[in-house]
Amino acid sequence: MTSGGVLRQTVLACVAISVAIAAVASASGHAAIGLGVAVGLILGSANGYLIQGLLNRGAPFMAASLLRILFFSSLVLIAALTMRGSAWTVALGIGLAQLVMVVAGVRSGLRR
């Protein structure tokens, strides 16, 4: 499987998980928390495509990493301004998306 397959699996898994989290959180009366985690999962799943795009354009790895950190930090700051008390959920969702990407990569590696 190529990195594109891992990235596709990551996005699909993050979408499925975000729908499940949003549904469970809404049913339990915590819709804002569920929405924040779901948004973070969706945004975080784009991380692999972002790094792949930057590296394909010849950006040095360090610069690409700094740009991604800046990008995702900006997203969390925007969430903090708009969501106030539930902003931490977006950062949590972004982190969960990275775990999903690791699991997809490990699964891909174990299949070979």
Protein backbone atom coordinates (compact mmCIF):
# COMPACT_ATOMS: atom_id res chain seq x y z
CA MET A 1 0.00 0.00 0.00
CA THR A 2 1.28 3.47 -0.82
CA SER A 3 1.29 6.50 1.43
CA GLY A 4 -1.79 7.61 -0.50
CA GLY A 5 -3.58 4.48 0.68
CA VAL A 6 -2.64 5.18 4.28
CA LEU A 7 -3.78 8.78 3.92
CA ARG A 8 -7.08 7.69 2.36
CA GLN A 9 -7.64 5.17 5.17
CA THR A 10 -6.87 7.89 7.71
CA VAL A 11 -9.42 10.29 6.25
CA LEU A 12 -12.12 7.63 5.96
CA ALA A 13 -11.52 6.39 9.50
CA CYS A 14 -11.50 9.94 10.89
CA VAL A 15 -14.78 10.74 9.14
CA ALA A 16 -16.39 7.59 10.54
CA ILE A 17 -15.06 8.24 14.05
CA SER A 18 -16.10 11.90 13.95
CA VAL A 19 -19.68 10.98 12.98
CA ALA A 20 -19.82 8.45 15.80
CA ILE A 21 -18.38 10.88 18.35
CA ALA A 22 -20.72 13.68 17.30
CA ALA A 23 -23.74 11.36 17.51
CA VAL A 24 -22.83 9.96 20.94
CA ALA A 25 -21.96 13.41 22.32
CA SER A 26 -25.21 14.91 21.01
CA ALA A 27 -27.25 12.06 22.45
CA SER A 28 -25.60 12.54 25.83
CA GLY A 29 -26.18 16.30 25.84
CA HIS A 30 -22.61 17.40 25.01
CA ALA A 31 -23.02 18.47 21.39
CA ALA A 32 -20.36 21.22 21.55
CA ILE A 33 -17.73 18.77 22.77
CA GLY A 34 -18.64 16.21 20.12
CA LEU A 35 -18.62 18.84 17.39
CA GLY A 36 -15.20 20.11 18.47
CA VAL A 37 -13.64 16.65 18.48
CA ALA A 38 -15.29 15.84 15.13
CA VAL A 39 -13.98 19.03 13.53
CA GLY A 40 -10.51 18.36 14.94
CA LEU A 41 -10.54 14.81 13.57
CA ILE A 42 -11.50 16.01 10.09
CA LEU A 43 -8.92 18.80 10.10
CA GLY A 44 -6.23 16.57 11.56
CA SER A 45 -6.81 13.92 8.91
CA ALA A 46 -5.57 16.42 6.32
CA ASN A 47 -2.14 16.55 7.99
CA GLY A 48 -0.73 13.71 5.91
CA TYR A 49 -1.83 15.32 2.66
CA LEU A 50 -0.39 18.63 3.82
CA ILE A 51 3.06 17.20 4.55
CA GLN A 52 3.03 15.17 1.33
CA GLY A 53 2.13 18.26 -0.70
CA LEU A 54 4.83 20.40 0.92
CA LEU A 55 7.52 17.76 0.46
CA ASN A 56 6.48 17.14 -3.16
CA ARG A 57 6.98 20.85 -3.81
CA GLY A 58 10.56 20.54 -2.55
CA ALA A 59 10.08 22.19 0.84
CA PRO A 60 12.70 21.14 3.39
CA PHE A 61 11.31 18.78 6.02
CA MET A 62 12.01 21.21 8.87
CA ALA A 63 10.23 24.07 7.09
CA ALA A 64 7.30 21.81 6.21
CA SER A 65 7.01 20.70 9.84
CA LEU A 66 7.08 24.27 11.11
CA LEU A 67 4.44 25.33 8.60
CA ARG A 68 2.17 22.48 9.69
CA ILE A 69 2.64 23.31 13.36
CA LEU A 70 1.82 26.94 12.63
CA PHE A 71 -1.23 25.95 10.58
CA PHE A 72 -2.71 23.61 13.19
CA SER A 73 -1.88 25.99 16.06
CA SER A 74 -3.71 28.74 14.19
CA LEU A 75 -6.74 26.47 13.80
CA VAL A 76 -6.80 25.79 17.53
CA LEU A 77 -6.47 29.52 18.30
CA ILE A 78 -9.38 30.27 15.97
CA ALA A 79 -11.37 27.55 17.72
CA ALA A 80 -10.48 29.12 21.08
CA LEU A 81 -11.90 32.43 19.92
CA THR A 82 -15.09 30.95 18.52
CA MET A 83 -15.82 28.01 20.82
CA ARG A 84 -14.43 29.44 24.05
CA GLY A 85 -14.72 26.71 26.70
CA SER A 86 -14.83 23.82 24.24
CA ALA A 87 -11.77 24.82 22.19
CA TRP A 88 -9.63 22.08 23.74
CA THR A 89 -11.81 19.55 21.94
CA VAL A 90 -10.49 20.66 18.53
CA ALA A 91 -6.91 20.09 19.67
CA LEU A 92 -7.96 16.70 21.04
CA GLY A 93 -9.52 15.78 17.70
CA ILE A 94 -6.37 16.80 15.81
CA GLY A 95 -4.30 14.61 18.13
CA LEU A 96 -6.70 11.69 17.70
CA ALA A 97 -6.38 12.03 13.93
CA GLN A 98 -2.62 11.61 14.28
CA LEU A 99 -3.18 8.41 16.27
CA VAL A 100 -5.51 7.16 13.54
CA MET A 101 -2.79 7.87 10.96
CA VAL A 102 -0.25 5.92 13.02
CA VAL A 103 -2.64 2.96 13.29
CA ALA A 104 -3.28 3.05 9.53
CA GLY A 105 0.46 3.12 8.87
CA VAL A 106 1.18 0.26 11.25
CA ARG A 107 -1.62 -1.83 9.72
CA SER A 108 -0.20 -1.15 6.28
CA GLY A 109 3.29 -2.13 7.43
CA LEU A 110 2.12 -5.35 9.05
CA ARG A 111 0.33 -6.45 5.87
CA ARG A 112 3.55 -6.44 3.87
